Protein backbone atom coordinates (compact mmCIF):
# COMPACT_ATOMS: atom_id res chain seq x y z
CA MET A 1 67.32 -96.27 7.32
CA ALA A 2 70.79 -96.13 5.75
CA LEU A 3 71.48 -96.16 2.01
CA GLN A 4 74.77 -97.44 0.65
CA ALA A 5 76.64 -96.96 -2.60
CA ALA A 6 79.34 -99.11 -4.19
CA GLY A 7 81.95 -98.25 -6.77
CA GLY A 8 82.72 -94.82 -8.04
CA VAL A 9 84.95 -92.47 -6.10
CA ALA A 10 84.19 -91.76 -2.46
CA PRO A 11 82.98 -89.65 -0.76
CA TYR A 12 79.40 -89.63 -1.98
CA ALA A 13 76.77 -86.91 -1.83
CA TRP A 14 73.15 -87.91 -1.26
CA SER A 15 69.84 -86.22 -1.98
CA ALA A 16 66.21 -87.34 -2.18
CA THR A 17 62.91 -86.10 -3.57
CA GLY A 18 59.44 -87.25 -2.58
CA LEU A 19 60.22 -88.34 0.97
CA PRO A 20 57.22 -88.43 3.35
CA GLY A 21 56.82 -85.31 5.44
CA ASP A 22 59.24 -84.89 8.35
CA LEU A 23 61.73 -87.39 6.89
CA THR A 24 65.11 -86.15 5.67
CA ILE A 25 68.24 -87.64 4.16
CA ASP A 26 71.72 -86.82 5.44
CA PRO A 27 73.68 -85.63 2.37
CA ALA A 28 76.95 -87.01 3.72
CA THR A 29 75.88 -90.44 5.02
CA GLY A 30 72.69 -91.31 3.11
CA ILE A 31 70.83 -92.00 6.35
CA ILE A 32 67.08 -91.30 6.18
CA SER A 33 65.65 -90.29 9.55
CA GLY A 34 62.78 -88.43 11.20
CA THR A 35 59.33 -89.06 12.63
CA PRO A 36 56.60 -89.59 10.03
CA THR A 37 53.37 -87.77 10.81
CA VAL A 38 51.14 -89.10 8.02
CA ALA A 39 50.34 -92.75 7.36
CA GLY A 40 50.53 -94.04 3.83
CA THR A 41 52.77 -95.34 1.04
CA SER A 42 55.28 -93.01 -0.58
CA GLN A 43 57.64 -93.43 -3.50
CA PHE A 44 60.77 -91.32 -3.52
CA THR A 45 63.90 -90.95 -5.60
CA VAL A 46 67.43 -90.95 -4.22
CA THR A 47 70.30 -89.40 -6.10
CA VAL A 48 73.91 -90.22 -5.24
CA THR A 49 76.87 -88.36 -6.72
CA ASP A 50 80.46 -89.54 -6.27
CA ASP A 51 83.53 -87.36 -5.99
CA ALA A 52 84.19 -87.70 -9.71
CA GLY A 53 80.78 -86.30 -10.62
CA GLN A 54 79.16 -89.60 -11.57
CA VAL A 55 75.41 -89.61 -10.81
CA LYS A 56 73.12 -92.54 -10.10
CA ARG A 57 69.44 -92.50 -9.19
CA ALA A 58 67.18 -95.13 -7.68
CA GLN A 59 63.54 -95.28 -6.63
CA PHE A 60 62.33 -96.63 -3.32
CA THR A 61 58.98 -97.21 -1.62
CA ILE A 62 58.39 -96.61 2.05
CA VAL A 63 55.25 -97.53 3.95
CA VAL A 64 54.32 -95.50 7.04
CA ASP A 65 51.82 -97.44 9.10
CA PRO A 66 49.31 -95.58 11.29
CA LEU A 67 49.47 -95.45 15.05
CA ASP A 68 47.88 -98.35 16.86
CA LEU A 69 44.13 -98.09 17.15
CA THR A 70 43.15 -97.40 20.77
CA VAL A 71 39.95 -96.63 22.66
CA THR A 72 40.14 -93.43 24.70
CA THR A 73 36.70 -93.79 26.30
CA GLN A 74 37.21 -95.75 29.51
CA ALA A 75 33.68 -95.61 30.92
CA LEU A 76 30.20 -94.58 29.82
CA PRO A 77 27.87 -92.40 31.88
CA GLY A 78 24.72 -93.72 33.48
CA GLY A 79 21.23 -92.87 32.37
CA GLN A 80 17.71 -92.53 33.73
CA VAL A 81 14.45 -94.05 32.61
CA GLY A 82 12.55 -91.68 30.34
CA GLN A 83 15.45 -89.24 29.89
CA ALA A 84 17.36 -88.80 26.60
CA TYR A 85 20.77 -90.52 26.60
CA ASN A 86 23.73 -89.50 24.44
CA ALA A 87 27.29 -90.81 24.82
CA SER A 88 30.07 -91.75 22.41
CA ILE A 89 32.91 -94.26 22.24
CA VAL A 90 35.97 -92.27 21.18
CA VAL A 91 39.02 -93.82 19.50
CA ALA A 92 42.47 -92.62 18.47
CA GLY A 93 45.02 -93.83 15.93
CA GLY A 94 44.32 -96.09 13.02
CA VAL A 95 42.78 -94.65 9.89
CA SER A 96 39.22 -93.38 9.73
CA PRO A 97 36.46 -94.13 8.98
CA TYR A 98 35.90 -96.62 11.78
CA SER A 99 33.25 -99.28 12.26
CA PHE A 100 31.68 -100.16 15.63
CA THR A 101 30.20 -103.60 16.25
CA LEU A 102 28.18 -104.43 19.38
CA THR A 103 28.39 -107.75 21.20
CA GLY A 104 25.79 -108.20 23.92
CA ASP A 105 22.83 -105.99 24.76
CA LEU A 106 22.52 -102.30 25.46
CA PRO A 107 19.93 -101.14 28.00
CA GLU A 108 16.44 -101.25 26.55
CA GLY A 109 15.71 -98.17 24.47
CA LEU A 110 19.36 -97.46 23.49
CA THR A 111 21.12 -98.11 20.16
CA LEU A 112 24.72 -97.98 18.90
CA ASN A 113 25.52 -96.10 15.69
CA PRO A 114 27.88 -98.48 13.79
CA ALA A 115 29.58 -95.61 11.94
CA THR A 116 30.13 -93.07 14.71
CA GLY A 117 30.18 -95.04 17.96
CA ALA A 118 27.41 -92.87 19.43
CA ILE A 119 25.00 -94.51 21.87
CA THR A 120 21.67 -92.73 21.94
CA GLY A 121 18.04 -93.20 22.80
CA LYS A 122 15.70 -93.02 25.77
CA PRO A 123 16.03 -95.83 28.35
CA THR A 124 12.77 -97.60 29.15
CA LYS A 125 13.87 -99.86 32.00
CA ALA A 126 16.03 -99.55 35.11
CA GLN A 127 18.92 -101.98 34.66
CA THR A 128 22.70 -102.42 34.34
CA SER A 129 23.92 -103.79 31.01
CA THR A 130 27.44 -105.04 30.28
CA PHE A 131 28.50 -105.37 26.65
CA SER A 132 31.54 -105.10 24.39
CA VAL A 133 32.24 -103.05 21.30
CA THR A 134 34.72 -103.99 18.56
CA ILE A 135 36.20 -101.08 16.61
CA GLU A 136 37.96 -101.57 13.29
CA ASP A 137 39.66 -98.94 11.16
CA SER A 138 39.72 -98.83 7.36
CA THR A 139 43.37 -99.82 6.90
CA LEU A 140 44.38 -103.04 5.21
CA GLN A 141 47.31 -104.82 6.80
CA PRO A 142 50.50 -103.47 5.20
CA GLN A 143 52.02 -105.62 2.46
CA SER A 144 55.53 -104.25 2.79
CA ALA A 145 58.04 -105.80 5.18
CA MET A 146 59.19 -102.26 5.91
CA ALA A 147 55.93 -101.44 7.63
CA LYS A 148 55.29 -102.06 11.28
CA ALA A 149 52.34 -104.40 11.97
CA ALA A 150 49.96 -101.97 13.66
CA VAL A 151 46.78 -102.72 15.56
CA HIS A 152 43.74 -102.14 13.34
CA SER A 153 41.05 -103.71 15.53
CA VAL A 154 40.33 -103.42 19.24
CA THR A 155 37.56 -104.70 21.52
CA GLN A 156 36.61 -103.13 24.84
CA SER A 157 33.93 -103.88 27.42
CA PHE A 158 31.58 -101.27 28.85
CA SER A 159 28.60 -101.09 31.18
CA ILE A 160 25.73 -98.64 31.44
CA THR A 161 23.54 -98.33 34.53
CA VAL A 162 20.05 -96.94 34.03
CA ALA A 163 18.39 -95.58 37.16
CA ALA A 164 14.66 -95.63 37.74
CA ALA A 165 12.74 -92.42 37.22
CA PRO A 166 12.30 -90.47 40.46
CA VAL A 167 8.97 -90.93 42.25
CA VAL A 168 7.07 -87.67 42.44
CA ALA A 169 4.54 -87.51 45.29
CA ALA A 170 1.09 -86.34 44.22
CA PRO A 171 -0.05 -83.17 46.01
CA THR A 172 -2.53 -83.71 48.87
CA PRO A 173 -5.86 -82.12 47.93
CA VAL A 174 -7.06 -79.36 50.26
CA PRO A 175 -10.69 -79.92 51.36
CA THR A 176 -13.07 -77.25 50.12
CA LEU A 177 -16.68 -76.51 50.93
CA GLY A 178 -19.16 -76.77 48.12
CA GLU A 179 -22.10 -74.40 47.75
CA TRP A 180 -24.47 -76.57 49.88
CA GLY A 181 -21.75 -77.04 52.46
CA VAL A 182 -21.40 -73.28 52.83
CA ILE A 183 -25.17 -72.92 53.21
CA ALA A 184 -25.30 -75.70 55.85
CA LEU A 185 -22.38 -74.17 57.76
CA SER A 186 -24.01 -70.75 57.66
CA SER A 187 -27.30 -72.23 58.98
CA LEU A 188 -25.44 -74.06 61.76
CA LEU A 189 -23.66 -70.91 62.82
CA ALA A 190 -26.93 -68.98 62.76
CA MET A 191 -28.62 -71.59 64.97
CA PHE A 192 -25.66 -71.53 67.34
CA GLY A 193 -25.89 -67.76 67.60
CA LEU A 194 -29.67 -67.91 68.22
CA ALA A 195 -29.26 -70.46 71.01
CA ARG A 196 -26.67 -68.30 72.76
CA SER A 197 -28.96 -65.27 72.44
CA ARG A 198 -31.88 -67.14 74.08
CA ARG A 199 -29.71 -68.31 76.96
CA ARG A 200 -28.66 -64.75 77.66
CA GLN A 201 -32.28 -63.53 77.61
CA GLY A 202 -33.35 -66.32 79.99
């Protein structure tokens, strides 16, 4: 951004107060340059002095628009029936706070937090659900022609696959002899021993 002066006696000397952070003015050319790091609207004052010592001041407004709103989460992890699920949709750019709006259906048992983008719950059914989430930041579209028209809303599709709970085989019971079974077995063994003893005596 270059400032210009007319009249007076060249050359001119430039200075400014109240510029957004990381912006500077060249004292010889009046060019304002740099890379803004904070979004917002700033008012600043420029002072120009000619070679004869005449001084003029003027106020300006500059609007620094935020970076485009983008979704950094590309995919969501799967879940399992009966197990706690916790995942988040993460965004960058824009101006917080953000709002998250669901279109479609999450797997049964899961919910989306509209303020944080967290998806939590405990799935109750094995299924794959495809849905979309629209994220909006809290920035109004800039009114100044100096501001770049940034992206303040973005929609992205996701899917979550919920697997069935693993089947656990029940242990096979080991047969045991009750009290009467032990008595019957003991009697049978005694009779078997008596029969063998008689055969030997015969």
